[in-house]
C-alpha cells in the first residue's frame, strides 16, 4: 500500500466503489472518523483527530512517530470497520468480520505499546 494515498480513496475501493465515485463520501468520512475515534480510544495515538477528503495515510500516522504501523494494520482495521458499517456482509459472516476487526485493533494496540516501551 502506498502511504501517500488518500485515505478516502483507499476506503472507497475497499467497500467496492471506484476511486472516482464520490456519491457516498460524506457517509464514508463519518465512518472513517468513527474508526479514528476507536483507534485513539484504544491507546494508539494518531497525528490527527479528523480525516477529511484529502488526508493521506502518512498524515494520519507519521512513520517517524512512536508506534508507527509498519504492519498495515491501521488501513486494514479502518477498511473492516467502515465496510461493516457502510455495507454489512451477510449475517453468516458478520462474526468473522467482527473478530478480524477486533484482532487487528488488538495487534495495532500491541504494536503501539511495544514501540512506546522500547
PDB file of N, CA and C in Angstrom:
ATOM      1  N   UNK A   1       0.835  -1.186   0.000  1.00  0.00           N
ATOM      2  CA  UNK A   1       0.000   0.000   0.000  1.00  0.00           C
ATOM      3  C   UNK A   1       0.876   1.245   0.000  1.00  0.00           C
ATOM      4  N   UNK A   2       0.482   2.200  -0.774  1.00  0.00           N
ATOM      5  CA  UNK A   2       1.181   3.479  -0.855  1.00  0.00           C
ATOM      6  C   UNK A   2       0.691   4.376   0.279  1.00  0.00           C
ATOM      7  N   UNK A   3       1.595   4.712   1.211  1.00  0.00           N
ATOM      8  CA  UNK A   3       1.183   5.507   2.366  1.00  0.00           C
ATOM      9  C   UNK A   3       0.874   6.956   2.015  1.00  0.00           C
ATOM     10  N   UNK A   4       1.218   7.375   0.802  1.00  0.00           N
ATOM     11  CA  UNK A   4       0.856   8.729   0.383  1.00  0.00           C
ATOM     12  C   UNK A   4      -0.542   8.761  -0.248  1.00  0.00           C
ATOM     13  N   UNK A   5      -1.191   7.607  -0.292  1.00  0.00           N
ATOM     14  CA  UNK A   5      -2.542   7.519  -0.859  1.00  0.00           C
ATOM     15  C   UNK A   5      -3.550   8.224   0.043  1.00  0.00           C
ATOM     16  N   UNK A   6      -4.542   8.823  -0.575  1.00  0.00           N
ATOM     17  CA  UNK A   6      -5.617   9.481   0.167  1.00  0.00           C
ATOM     18  C   UNK A   6      -6.494   8.408   0.809  1.00  0.00           C
ATOM     19  N   UNK A   7      -6.733   8.549   2.102  1.00  0.00           N
ATOM     20  CA  UNK A   7      -7.481   7.556   2.868  1.00  0.00           C
ATOM     21  C   UNK A   7      -8.861   7.314   2.277  1.00  0.00           C
ATOM     22  N   UNK A   8      -9.578   8.371   1.960  1.00  0.00           N
ATOM     23  CA  UNK A   8     -10.936   8.235   1.438  1.00  0.00           C
ATOM     24  C   UNK A   8     -10.952   7.402   0.158  1.00  0.00           C
ATOM     25  N   UNK A   9      -9.986   7.606  -0.731  1.00  0.00           N
ATOM     26  CA  UNK A   9      -9.935   6.841  -1.972  1.00  0.00           C
ATOM     27  C   UNK A   9      -9.668   5.361  -1.686  1.00  0.00           C
ATOM     28  N   UNK A  10      -8.781   5.099  -0.749  1.00  0.00           N
ATOM     29  CA  UNK A  10      -8.468   3.716  -0.370  1.00  0.00           C
ATOM     30  C   UNK A  10      -9.714   3.026   0.201  1.00  0.00           C
ATOM     31  N   UNK A  11     -10.409   3.720   1.083  1.00  0.00           N
ATOM     32  CA  UNK A  11     -11.599   3.145   1.710  1.00  0.00           C
ATOM     33  C   UNK A  11     -12.715   2.968   0.688  1.00  0.00           C
ATOM     34  N   UNK A  12     -12.860   3.912  -0.230  1.00  0.00           N
ATOM     35  CA  UNK A  12     -13.868   3.762  -1.293  1.00  0.00           C
ATOM     36  C   UNK A  12     -13.678   2.419  -2.002  1.00  0.00           C
ATOM     37  N   UNK A  13     -12.433   2.158  -2.391  1.00  0.00           N
ATOM     38  CA  UNK A  13     -12.151   0.906  -3.095  1.00  0.00           C
ATOM     39  C   UNK A  13     -12.385  -0.310  -2.204  1.00  0.00           C
ATOM     40  N   UNK A  14     -12.069  -0.190  -0.919  1.00  0.00           N
ATOM     41  CA  UNK A  14     -12.222  -1.337  -0.014  1.00  0.00           C
ATOM     42  C   UNK A  14     -13.685  -1.712   0.217  1.00  0.00           C
ATOM     43  N   UNK A  15     -14.585  -0.772   0.008  1.00  0.00           N
ATOM     44  CA  UNK A  15     -16.020  -1.088   0.158  1.00  0.00           C
ATOM     45  C   UNK A  15     -16.673  -1.375  -1.195  1.00  0.00           C
ATOM     46  N   UNK A  16     -15.868  -1.456  -2.239  1.00  0.00           N
ATOM     47  CA  UNK A  16     -16.393  -1.856  -3.549  1.00  0.00           C
ATOM     48  C   UNK A  16     -16.782  -0.732  -4.479  1.00  0.00           C
ATOM     49  N   UNK A  17     -16.421   0.500  -4.134  1.00  0.00           N
ATOM     50  CA  UNK A  17     -16.702   1.636  -5.014  1.00  0.00           C
ATOM     51  C   UNK A  17     -15.447   1.965  -5.822  1.00  0.00           C
ATOM     52  N   UNK A  18     -15.624   2.715  -6.889  1.00  0.00           N
ATOM     53  CA  UNK A  18     -14.459   3.169  -7.643  1.00  0.00           C
ATOM     54  C   UNK A  18     -13.906   4.436  -6.988  1.00  0.00           C
ATOM     55  N   UNK A  19     -12.628   4.717  -7.260  1.00  0.00           N
ATOM     56  CA  UNK A  19     -11.993   5.884  -6.647  1.00  0.00           C
ATOM     57  C   UNK A  19     -12.695   7.191  -6.988  1.00  0.00           C
ATOM     58  N   UNK A  20     -13.319   7.248  -8.148  1.00  0.00           N
ATOM     59  CA  UNK A  20     -13.948   8.498  -8.576  1.00  0.00           C
ATOM     60  C   UNK A  20     -15.430   8.598  -8.213  1.00  0.00           C
ATOM     61  N   UNK A  21     -15.985   7.607  -7.534  1.00  0.00           N
ATOM     62  CA  UNK A  21     -17.386   7.644  -7.112  1.00  0.00           C
ATOM     63  C   UNK A  21     -17.471   8.381  -5.773  1.00  0.00           C
ATOM     64  N   UNK A  22     -17.873   9.642  -5.823  1.00  0.00           N
ATOM     65  CA  UNK A  22     -17.912  10.480  -4.618  1.00  0.00           C
ATOM     66  C   UNK A  22     -19.301  10.554  -3.982  1.00  0.00           C
ATOM     67  N   UNK A  23     -20.222   9.786  -4.494  1.00  0.00           N
ATOM     68  CA  UNK A  23     -21.615   9.840  -4.051  1.00  0.00           C
ATOM     69  C   UNK A  23     -21.789   9.571  -2.547  1.00  0.00           C
ATOM     70  N   UNK A  24     -20.950   8.731  -1.981  1.00  0.00           N
ATOM     71  CA  UNK A  24     -21.100   8.338  -0.582  1.00  0.00           C
ATOM     72  C   UNK A  24     -20.003   8.908   0.326  1.00  0.00           C
ATOM     73  N   UNK A  25     -19.291   9.918  -0.149  1.00  0.00           N
ATOM     74  CA  UNK A  25     -18.149  10.447   0.607  1.00  0.00           C
ATOM     75  C   UNK A  25     -18.501  10.922   2.010  1.00  0.00           C
ATOM     76  N   UNK A  26     -19.604  11.593   2.171  1.00  0.00           N
ATOM     77  CA  UNK A  26     -19.981  12.093   3.496  1.00  0.00           C
ATOM     78  C   UNK A  26     -20.169  10.936   4.468  1.00  0.00           C
ATOM     79  N   UNK A  27     -20.886   9.931   4.036  1.00  0.00           N
ATOM     80  CA  UNK A  27     -21.117   8.760   4.881  1.00  0.00           C
ATOM     81  C   UNK A  27     -19.803   8.030   5.172  1.00  0.00           C
ATOM     82  N   UNK A  28     -18.982   7.842   4.146  1.00  0.00           N
ATOM     83  CA  UNK A  28     -17.701   7.166   4.340  1.00  0.00           C
ATOM     84  C   UNK A  28     -16.798   7.938   5.296  1.00  0.00           C
ATOM     85  N   UNK A  29     -16.750   9.255   5.150  1.00  0.00           N
ATOM     86  CA  UNK A  29     -15.922  10.066   6.048  1.00  0.00           C
ATOM     87  C   UNK A  29     -16.400   9.970   7.492  1.00  0.00           C
ATOM     88  N   UNK A  30     -17.706   9.918   7.693  1.00  0.00           N
ATOM     89  CA  UNK A  30     -18.233   9.740   9.056  1.00  0.00           C
ATOM     90  C   UNK A  30     -17.742   8.422   9.643  1.00  0.00           C
ATOM     91  N   UNK A  31     -17.787   7.355   8.863  1.00  0.00           N
ATOM     92  CA  UNK A  31     -17.352   6.040   9.347  1.00  0.00           C
ATOM     93  C   UNK A  31     -15.831   5.984   9.515  1.00  0.00           C
ATOM     94  N   UNK A  32     -15.095   6.623   8.634  1.00  0.00           N
ATOM     95  CA  UNK A  32     -13.637   6.701   8.772  1.00  0.00           C
ATOM     96  C   UNK A  32     -13.285   7.408  10.073  1.00  0.00           C
ATOM     97  N   UNK A  33     -13.960   8.513  10.339  1.00  0.00           N
ATOM     98  CA  UNK A  33     -13.663   9.261  11.562  1.00  0.00           C
ATOM     99  C   UNK A  33     -14.120   8.523  12.814  1.00  0.00           C
ATOM    100  N   UNK A  34     -15.140   7.710  12.709  1.00  0.00           N
ATOM    101  CA  UNK A  34     -15.509   6.842  13.819  1.00  0.00           C
ATOM    102  C   UNK A  34     -14.383   5.836  14.087  1.00  0.00           C
ATOM    103  N   UNK A  35     -13.768   5.346  13.027  1.00  0.00           N
ATOM    104  CA  UNK A  35     -12.618   4.446  13.171  1.00  0.00           C
ATOM    105  C   UNK A  35     -11.465   5.151  13.879  1.00  0.00           C
ATOM    106  N   UNK A  36     -11.233   6.405  13.530  1.00  0.00           N
ATOM    107  CA  UNK A  36     -10.175   7.185  14.177  1.00  0.00           C
ATOM    108  C   UNK A  36     -10.442   7.294  15.674  1.00  0.00           C
ATOM    109  N   UNK A  37     -11.687   7.553  16.040  1.00  0.00           N
ATOM    110  CA  UNK A  37     -12.058   7.643  17.455  1.00  0.00           C
ATOM    111  C   UNK A  37     -11.782   6.315  18.150  1.00  0.00           C
ATOM    112  N   UNK A  38     -12.204   5.202  17.546  1.00  0.00           N
ATOM    113  CA  UNK A  38     -11.981   3.882  18.146  1.00  0.00           C
ATOM    114  C   UNK A  38     -10.499   3.605  18.339  1.00  0.00           C
ATOM    115  N   UNK A  39      -9.711   3.948  17.344  1.00  0.00           N
ATOM    116  CA  UNK A  39      -8.274   3.705  17.421  1.00  0.00           C
ATOM    117  C   UNK A  39      -7.655   4.547  18.529  1.00  0.00           C
ATOM    118  N   UNK A  40      -8.005   5.819  18.589  1.00  0.00           N
ATOM    119  CA  UNK A  40      -7.487   6.691  19.645  1.00  0.00           C
ATOM    120  C   UNK A  40      -7.907   6.204  21.026  1.00  0.00           C
ATOM    121  N   UNK A  41      -9.153   5.769  21.166  1.00  0.00           N
ATOM    122  CA  UNK A  41      -9.640   5.299  22.458  1.00  0.00           C
ATOM    123  C   UNK A  41      -8.972   4.001  22.904  1.00  0.00           C
ATOM    124  N   UNK A  42      -8.344   3.313  21.975  1.00  0.00           N
ATOM    125  CA  UNK A  42      -7.637   2.075  22.301  1.00  0.00           C
ATOM    126  C   UNK A  42      -6.139   2.311  22.508  1.00  0.00           C
ATOM    127  N   UNK A  43      -5.745   3.554  22.644  1.00  0.00           N
ATOM    128  CA  UNK A  43      -4.378   3.867  23.018  1.00  0.00           C
ATOM    129  C   UNK A  43      -3.404   4.080  21.882  1.00  0.00           C
ATOM    130  N   UNK A  44      -3.873   4.044  20.652  1.00  0.00           N
ATOM    131  CA  UNK A  44      -2.997   4.282  19.512  1.00  0.00           C
ATOM    132  C   UNK A  44      -3.153   5.746  19.127  1.00  0.00           C
ATOM    133  N   UNK A  45      -2.168   6.541  19.467  1.00  0.00           N
ATOM    134  CA  UNK A  45      -2.253   7.976  19.221  1.00  0.00           C
ATOM    135  C   UNK A  45      -1.947   8.292  17.763  1.00  0.00           C
ATOM    136  N   UNK A  46      -2.905   8.891  17.108  1.00  0.00           N
ATOM    137  CA  UNK A  46      -2.752   9.296  15.722  1.00  0.00           C
ATOM    138  C   UNK A  46      -2.363  10.766  15.658  1.00  0.00           C
ATOM    139  N   UNK A  47      -1.777  11.174  14.543  1.00  0.00           N
ATOM    140  CA  UNK A  47      -1.327  12.560  14.395  1.00  0.00           C
ATOM    141  C   UNK A  47      -2.476  13.551  14.283  1.00  0.00           C
ATOM    142  N   UNK A  48      -3.602  13.102  13.779  1.00  0.00           N
ATOM    143  CA  UNK A  48      -4.757  13.984  13.599  1.00  0.00           C
ATOM    144  C   UNK A  48      -5.991  13.307  14.169  1.00  0.00           C
ATOM    145  N   UNK A  49      -6.969  14.109  14.527  1.00  0.00           N
ATOM    146  CA  UNK A  49      -8.200  13.586  15.110  1.00  0.00           C
ATOM    147  C   UNK A  49      -9.340  13.476  14.107  1.00  0.00           C
ATOM    148  N   UNK A  50      -9.152  14.061  12.924  1.00  0.00           N
ATOM    149  CA  UNK A  50     -10.230  14.045  11.938  1.00  0.00           C
ATOM    150  C   UNK A  50      -9.648  13.918  10.535  1.00  0.00           C
ATOM    151  N   UNK A  51     -10.209  12.986   9.788  1.00  0.00           N
ATOM    152  CA  UNK A  51      -9.808  12.757   8.405  1.00  0.00           C
ATOM    153  C   UNK A  51     -10.754  13.550   7.505  1.00  0.00           C
ATOM    154  N   UNK A  52     -10.192  14.219   6.491  1.00  0.00           N
ATOM    155  CA  UNK A  52     -11.030  14.912   5.517  1.00  0.00           C
ATOM    156  C   UNK A  52     -10.814  14.294   4.137  1.00  0.00           C
ATOM    157  N   UNK A  53     -11.320  14.923   3.122  1.00  0.00           N
ATOM    158  CA  UNK A  53     -11.265  14.373   1.761  1.00  0.00           C
ATOM    159  C   UNK A  53      -9.844  14.232   1.208  1.00  0.00           C
ATOM    160  N   UNK A  54      -8.889  14.941   1.764  1.00  0.00           N
ATOM    161  CA  UNK A  54      -7.523  14.935   1.233  1.00  0.00           C
ATOM    162  C   UNK A  54      -6.489  14.299   2.152  1.00  0.00           C
ATOM    163  N   UNK A  55      -6.889  13.798   3.301  1.00  0.00           N
ATOM    164  CA  UNK A  55      -5.945  13.242   4.268  1.00  0.00           C
ATOM    165  C   UNK A  55      -5.326  11.951   3.731  1.00  0.00           C
ATOM    166  N   UNK A  56      -3.994  11.844   3.871  1.00  0.00           N
ATOM    167  CA  UNK A  56      -3.283  10.635   3.448  1.00  0.00           C
ATOM    168  C   UNK A  56      -2.948   9.770   4.660  1.00  0.00           C
ATOM    169  N   UNK A  57      -2.557   8.535   4.388  1.00  0.00           N
ATOM    170  CA  UNK A  57      -2.156   7.637   5.479  1.00  0.00           C
ATOM    171  C   UNK A  57      -0.938   8.196   6.204  1.00  0.00           C
ATOM    172  N   UNK A  58      -0.008   8.802   5.479  1.00  0.00           N
ATOM    173  CA  UNK A  58       1.174   9.410   6.102  1.00  0.00           C
ATOM    174  C   UNK A  58       0.800  10.484   7.115  1.00  0.00           C
ATOM    175  N   UNK A  59      -0.210  11.266   6.799  1.00  0.00           N
ATOM    176  CA  UNK A  59      -0.638  12.334   7.702  1.00  0.00           C
ATOM    177  C   UNK A  59      -1.297  11.776   8.956  1.00  0.00           C
ATOM    178  N   UNK A  60      -1.956  10.645   8.813  1.00  0.00           N
ATOM    179  CA  UNK A  60      -2.663  10.061   9.943  1.00  0.00           C
ATOM    180  C   UNK A  60      -1.695   9.455  10.957  1.00  0.00           C
ATOM    181  N   UNK A  61      -0.716   8.718  10.478  1.00  0.00           N
ATOM    182  CA  UNK A  61       0.245   8.077  11.366  1.00  0.00           C
ATOM    183  C   UNK A  61       1.627   8.227  10.759  1.00  0.00           C
ATOM    184  N   UNK A  62       2.374   9.186  11.222  1.00  0.00           N
ATOM    185  CA  UNK A  62       3.695   9.517  10.707  1.00  0.00           C
ATOM    186  C   UNK A  62       4.662   8.362  10.937  1.00  0.00           C
ATOM    187  N   UNK A  63       5.426   8.014   9.917  1.00  0.00           N
ATOM    188  CA  UNK A  63       6.355   6.888  10.014  1.00  0.00           C
ATOM    189  C   UNK A  63       7.473   7.130  11.021  1.00  0.00           C
ATOM    190  N   UNK A  64       7.713   8.359  11.403  1.00  0.00           N
ATOM    191  CA  UNK A  64       8.758   8.633  12.390  1.00  0.00           C
ATOM    192  C   UNK A  64       8.206   8.631  13.815  1.00  0.00           C
ATOM    193  N   UNK A  65       6.894   8.506  13.951  1.00  0.00           N
ATOM    194  CA  UNK A  65       6.275   8.556  15.273  1.00  0.00           C
ATOM    195  C   UNK A  65       6.441   7.230  16.003  1.00  0.00           C
ATOM    196  N   UNK A  66       6.436   7.293  17.326  1.00  0.00           N
ATOM    197  CA  UNK A  66       6.428   6.073  18.114  1.00  0.00           C
ATOM    198  C   UNK A  66       5.132   5.331  17.821  1.00  0.00           C
ATOM    199  N   UNK A  67       5.239   4.014  17.731  1.00  0.00           N
ATOM    200  CA  UNK A  67       4.059   3.227  17.455  1.00  0.00           C
ATOM    201  C   UNK A  67       3.705   3.167  15.982  1.00  0.00           C
ATOM    202  N   UNK A  68       4.645   3.549  15.106  1.00  0.00           N
ATOM    203  CA  UNK A  68       4.366   3.544  13.669  1.00  0.00           C
ATOM    204  C   UNK A  68       3.834   2.189  13.224  1.00  0.00           C
ATOM    205  N   UNK A  69       2.796   2.212  12.421  1.00  0.00           N
ATOM    206  CA  UNK A  69       2.129   0.998  11.948  1.00  0.00           C
ATOM    207  C   UNK A  69       2.820   0.461  10.693  1.00  0.00           C
ATOM    208  N   UNK A  70       3.917  -0.235  10.892  1.00  0.00           N
ATOM    209  CA  UNK A  70       4.636  -0.793   9.747  1.00  0.00           C
ATOM    210  C   UNK A  70       3.964  -2.060   9.221  1.00  0.00           C
ATOM    211  N   UNK A  71       2.986  -2.579   9.945  1.00  0.00           N
ATOM    212  CA  UNK A  71       2.326  -3.823   9.552  1.00  0.00           C
ATOM    213  C   UNK A  71       1.155  -3.600   8.611  1.00  0.00           C
ATOM    214  N   UNK A  72       0.675  -2.390   8.498  1.00  0.00           N
ATOM    215  CA  UNK A  72      -0.504  -2.116   7.680  1.00  0.00           C
ATOM    216  C   UNK A  72      -1.803  -2.420   8.406  1.00  0.00           C
ATOM    217  N   UNK A  73      -1.736  -2.588   9.720  1.00  0.00           N
ATOM    218  CA  UNK A  73      -2.935  -2.910  10.487  1.00  0.00           C
ATOM    219  C   UNK A  73      -3.928  -1.756  10.505  1.00  0.00           C
ATOM    220  N   UNK A  74      -3.431  -0.530  10.485  1.00  0.00           N
ATOM    221  CA  UNK A  74      -4.324   0.630  10.534  1.00  0.00           C
ATOM    222  C   UNK A  74      -5.273   0.670   9.332  1.00  0.00           C
ATOM    223  N   UNK A  75      -4.770   0.592   8.096  1.00  0.00           N
ATOM    224  CA  UNK A  75      -5.694   0.583   6.953  1.00  0.00           C
ATOM    225  C   UNK A  75      -6.623  -0.630   6.961  1.00  0.00           C
ATOM    226  N   UNK A  76      -6.115  -1.761   7.405  1.00  0.00           N
ATOM    227  CA  UNK A  76      -6.942  -2.965   7.466  1.00  0.00           C
ATOM    228  C   UNK A  76      -8.085  -2.777   8.452  1.00  0.00           C
ATOM    229  N   UNK A  77      -7.762  -2.276   9.648  1.00  0.00           N
ATOM    230  CA  UNK A  77      -8.802  -2.046  10.642  1.00  0.00           C
ATOM    231  C   UNK A  77      -9.837  -1.062  10.128  1.00  0.00           C
ATOM    232  N   UNK A  78      -9.368   0.051   9.565  1.00  0.00           N
ATOM    233  CA  UNK A  78     -10.311   1.070   9.093  1.00  0.00           C
ATOM    234  C   UNK A  78     -11.193   0.531   7.972  1.00  0.00           C
ATOM    235  N   UNK A  79     -10.609  -0.228   7.054  1.00  0.00           N
ATOM    236  CA  UNK A  79     -11.398  -0.785   5.954  1.00  0.00           C
ATOM    237  C   UNK A  79     -12.458  -1.745   6.480  1.00  0.00           C
ATOM    238  N   UNK A  80     -12.082  -2.612   7.428  1.00  0.00           N
ATOM    239  CA  UNK A  80     -13.048  -3.554   8.003  1.00  0.00           C
ATOM    240  C   UNK A  80     -14.158  -2.827   8.756  1.00  0.00           C
ATOM    241  N   UNK A  81     -13.772  -1.837   9.547  1.00  0.00           N
ATOM    242  CA  UNK A  81     -14.754  -1.095  10.337  1.00  0.00           C
ATOM    243  C   UNK A  81     -15.738  -0.347   9.437  1.00  0.00           C
ATOM    244  N   UNK A  82     -15.222   0.324   8.424  1.00  0.00           N
ATOM    245  CA  UNK A  82     -16.090   1.077   7.511  1.00  0.00           C
ATOM    246  C   UNK A  82     -16.976   0.117   6.724  1.00  0.00           C
ATOM    247  N   UNK A  83     -16.408  -0.985   6.250  1.00  0.00           N
ATOM    248  CA  UNK A  83     -17.186  -1.977   5.489  1.00  0.00           C
ATOM    249  C   UNK A  83     -18.341  -2.506   6.331  1.00  0.00           C
ATOM    250  N   UNK A  84     -18.071  -2.809   7.593  1.00  0.00           N
ATOM    251  CA  UNK A  84     -19.102  -3.348   8.475  1.00  0.00           C
ATOM    252  C   UNK A  84     -20.241  -2.355   8.689  1.00  0.00           C
ATOM    253  N   UNK A  85     -19.929  -1.069   8.724  1.00  0.00           N
ATOM    254  CA  UNK A  85     -20.943  -0.041   8.938  1.00  0.00           C
ATOM    255  C   UNK A  85     -21.627   0.383   7.635  1.00  0.00           C
ATOM    256  N   UNK A  86     -20.847   0.493   6.566  1.00  0.00           N
ATOM    257  CA  UNK A  86     -21.353   1.011   5.309  1.00  0.00           C
ATOM    258  C   UNK A  86     -22.122  -0.033   4.505  1.00  0.00           C
ATOM    259  N   UNK A  87     -21.567  -1.227   4.409  1.00  0.00           N
ATOM    260  CA  UNK A  87     -22.161  -2.282   3.596  1.00  0.00           C
ATOM    261  C   UNK A  87     -21.940  -3.616   4.298  1.00  0.00           C
ATOM    262  N   UNK A  88     -22.730  -3.874   5.336  1.00  0.00           N
ATOM    263  CA  UNK A  88     -22.510  -5.081   6.148  1.00  0.00           C
ATOM    264  C   UNK A  88     -22.543  -6.365   5.319  1.00  0.00           C
ATOM    265  N   UNK A  89     -21.679  -7.307   5.682  1.00  0.00           N
ATOM    266  CA  UNK A  89     -21.695  -8.600   4.983  1.00  0.00           C
ATOM    267  C   UNK A  89     -22.930  -9.391   5.388  1.00  0.00           C
ATOM    268  N   UNK A  90     -23.167 -10.513   4.732  1.00  0.00           N
ATOM    269  CA  UNK A  90     -24.301 -11.362   5.113  1.00  0.00           C
ATOM    270  C   UNK A  90     -24.186 -11.771   6.587  1.00  0.00           C
ATOM    271  N   UNK A  91     -25.314 -11.978   7.240  1.00  0.00           N
ATOM    272  CA  UNK A  91     -25.292 -12.321   8.669  1.00  0.00           C
ATOM    273  C   UNK A  91     -24.380 -13.501   9.011  1.00  0.00           C
ATOM    274  N   UNK A  92     -24.236 -14.434   8.096  1.00  0.00           N
ATOM    275  CA  UNK A  92     -23.416 -15.607   8.363  1.00  0.00           C
ATOM    276  C   UNK A  92     -21.923 -15.265   8.490  1.00  0.00           C
ATOM    277  N   UNK A  93     -21.491 -14.120   7.966  1.00  0.00           N
ATOM    278  CA  UNK A  93     -20.071 -13.786   8.047  1.00  0.00           C
ATOM    279  C   UNK A  93     -19.788 -12.526   8.884  1.00  0.00           C
ATOM    280  N   UNK A  94     -20.803 -11.949   9.498  1.00  0.00           N
ATOM    281  CA  UNK A  94     -20.597 -10.765  10.340  1.00  0.00           C
ATOM    282  C   UNK A  94     -19.652 -11.089  11.486  1.00  0.00           C
ATOM    283  N   UNK A  95     -19.843 -12.238  12.125  1.00  0.00           N
ATOM    284  CA  UNK A  95     -18.991 -12.610  13.252  1.00  0.00           C
ATOM    285  C   UNK A  95     -17.526 -12.704  12.831  1.00  0.00           C
ATOM    286  N   UNK A  96     -17.268 -13.272  11.661  1.00  0.00           N
ATOM    287  CA  UNK A  96     -15.906 -13.349  11.146  1.00  0.00           C
ATOM    288  C   UNK A  96     -15.308 -11.952  10.980  1.00  0.00           C
ATOM    289  N   UNK A  97     -16.064 -11.041  10.394  1.00  0.00           N
ATOM    290  CA  UNK A  97     -15.584  -9.675  10.190  1.00  0.00           C
ATOM    291  C   UNK A  97     -15.305  -8.985  11.526  1.00  0.00           C
ATOM    292  N   UNK A  98     -16.193  -9.151  12.483  1.00  0.00           N
ATOM    293  CA  UNK A  98     -16.021  -8.520  13.791  1.00  0.00           C
ATOM    294  C   UNK A  98     -14.788  -9.079  14.494  1.00  0.00           C
ATOM    295  N   UNK A  99     -14.615 -10.395  14.464  1.00  0.00           N
ATOM    296  CA  UNK A  99     -13.429 -10.989  15.103  1.00  0.00           C
ATOM    297  C   UNK A  99     -12.143 -10.521  14.441  1.00  0.00           C
ATOM    298  N   UNK A 100     -12.140 -10.450  13.128  1.00  0.00           N
ATOM    299  CA  UNK A 100     -10.958  -9.985  12.398  1.00  0.00           C
ATOM    300  C   UNK A 100     -10.656  -8.534  12.746  1.00  0.00           C
ATOM    301  N   UNK A 101     -11.692  -7.725  12.811  1.00  0.00           N
ATOM    302  CA  UNK A 101     -11.519  -6.319  13.164  1.00  0.00           C
ATOM    303  C   UNK A 101     -10.983  -6.183  14.594  1.00  0.00           C
ATOM    304  N   UNK A 102     -11.541  -6.940  15.528  1.00  0.00           N
ATOM    305  CA  UNK A 102     -11.080  -6.889  16.915  1.00  0.00           C
ATOM    306  C   UNK A 102      -9.626  -7.336  17.037  1.00  0.00           C
ATOM    307  N   UNK A 103      -9.259  -8.405  16.332  1.00  0.00           N
ATOM    308  CA  UNK A 103      -7.875  -8.881  16.391  1.00  0.00           C
ATOM    309  C   UNK A 103      -6.922  -7.859  15.773  1.00  0.00           C
ATOM    310  N   UNK A 104      -7.325  -7.262  14.686  1.00  0.00           N
ATOM    311  CA  UNK A 104      -6.485  -6.261  14.029  1.00  0.00           C
ATOM    312  C   UNK A 104      -6.272  -5.057  14.942  1.00  0.00           C
ATOM    313  N   UNK A 105      -7.325  -4.612  15.610  1.00  0.00           N
ATOM    314  CA  UNK A 105      -7.194  -3.496  16.548  1.00  0.00           C
ATOM    315  C   UNK A 105      -6.291  -3.894  17.717  1.00  0.00           C
ATOM    316  N   UNK A 106      -6.439  -5.107  18.215  1.00  0.00           N
ATOM    317  CA  UNK A 106      -5.590  -5.584  19.306  1.00  0.00           C
ATOM    318  C   UNK A 106      -4.129  -5.594  18.871  1.00  0.00           C
ATOM    319  N   UNK A 107      -3.842  -6.077  17.655  1.00  0.00           N
ATOM    320  CA  UNK A 107      -2.464  -6.117  17.160  1.00  0.00           C
ATOM    321  C   UNK A 107      -1.897  -4.708  16.971  1.00  0.00           C
ATOM    322  N   UNK A 108      -2.723  -3.810  16.499  1.00  0.00           N
ATOM    323  CA  UNK A 108      -2.305  -2.425  16.331  1.00  0.00           C
ATOM    324  C   UNK A 108      -1.966  -1.809  17.688  1.00  0.00           C
ATOM    325  N   UNK A 109      -2.824  -2.043  18.658  1.00  0.00           N
ATOM    326  CA  UNK A 109      -2.590  -1.529  20.006  1.00  0.00           C
ATOM    327  C   UNK A 109      -1.330  -2.137  20.603  1.00  0.00           C
ATOM    328  N   UNK A 110      -1.147  -3.433  20.436  1.00  0.00           N
ATOM    329  CA  UNK A 110       0.030  -4.118  20.948  1.00  0.00           C
ATOM    330  C   UNK A 110       1.303  -3.570  20.310  1.00  0.00           C
ATOM    331  N   UNK A 111       1.304  -3.375  19.005  1.00  0.00           N
ATOM    332  CA  UNK A 111       2.469  -2.832  18.306  1.00  0.00           C
ATOM    333  C   UNK A 111       2.789  -1.435  18.813  1.00  0.00           C
ATOM    334  N   UNK A 112       1.755  -0.633  19.043  1.00  0.00           N
ATOM    335  CA  UNK A 112       1.972   0.717  19.527  1.00  0.00           C
ATOM    336  C   UNK A 112       2.557   0.691  20.932  1.00  0.00           C
ATOM    337  N   UNK A 113       2.024  -0.159  21.794  1.00  0.00           N
ATOM    338  CA  UNK A 113       2.510  -0.238  23.170  1.00  0.00           C
ATOM    339  C   UNK A 113       3.959  -0.699  23.218  1.00  0.00           C
ATOM    340  N   UNK A 114       4.342  -1.670  22.364  1.00  0.00           N
ATOM    341  CA  UNK A 114       5.721  -2.151  22.333  1.00  0.00           C
ATOM    342  C   UNK A 114       6.662  -1.049  21.897  1.00  0.00           C
ATOM    343  N   UNK A 115       6.270  -0.245  20.912  1.00  0.00           N
ATOM    344  CA  UNK A 115       7.105   0.855  20.439  1.00  0.00           C
ATOM    345  C   UNK A 115       7.281   1.901  21.529  1.00  0.00           C
ATOM    346  N   UNK A 116       6.242   2.168  22.285  1.00  0.00           N
ATOM    347  CA  UNK A 116       6.312   3.173  23.339  1.00  0.00           C
ATOM    348  C   UNK A 116       7.233   2.702  24.463  1.00  0.00           C
ATOM    349  N   UNK A 117       7.184   1.399  24.781  1.00  0.00           N
ATOM    350  CA  UNK A 117       8.003   0.848  25.852  1.00  0.00           C
ATOM    351  C   UNK A 117       9.470   0.865  25.491  1.00  0.00           C
ATOM    352  N   UNK A 118       9.810   0.553  24.241  1.00  0.00           N
ATOM    353  CA  UNK A 118      11.224   0.448  23.817  1.00  0.00           C
ATOM    354  C   UNK A 118      11.947   1.752  23.855  1.00  0.00           C
TER     355      UNK A 118
END
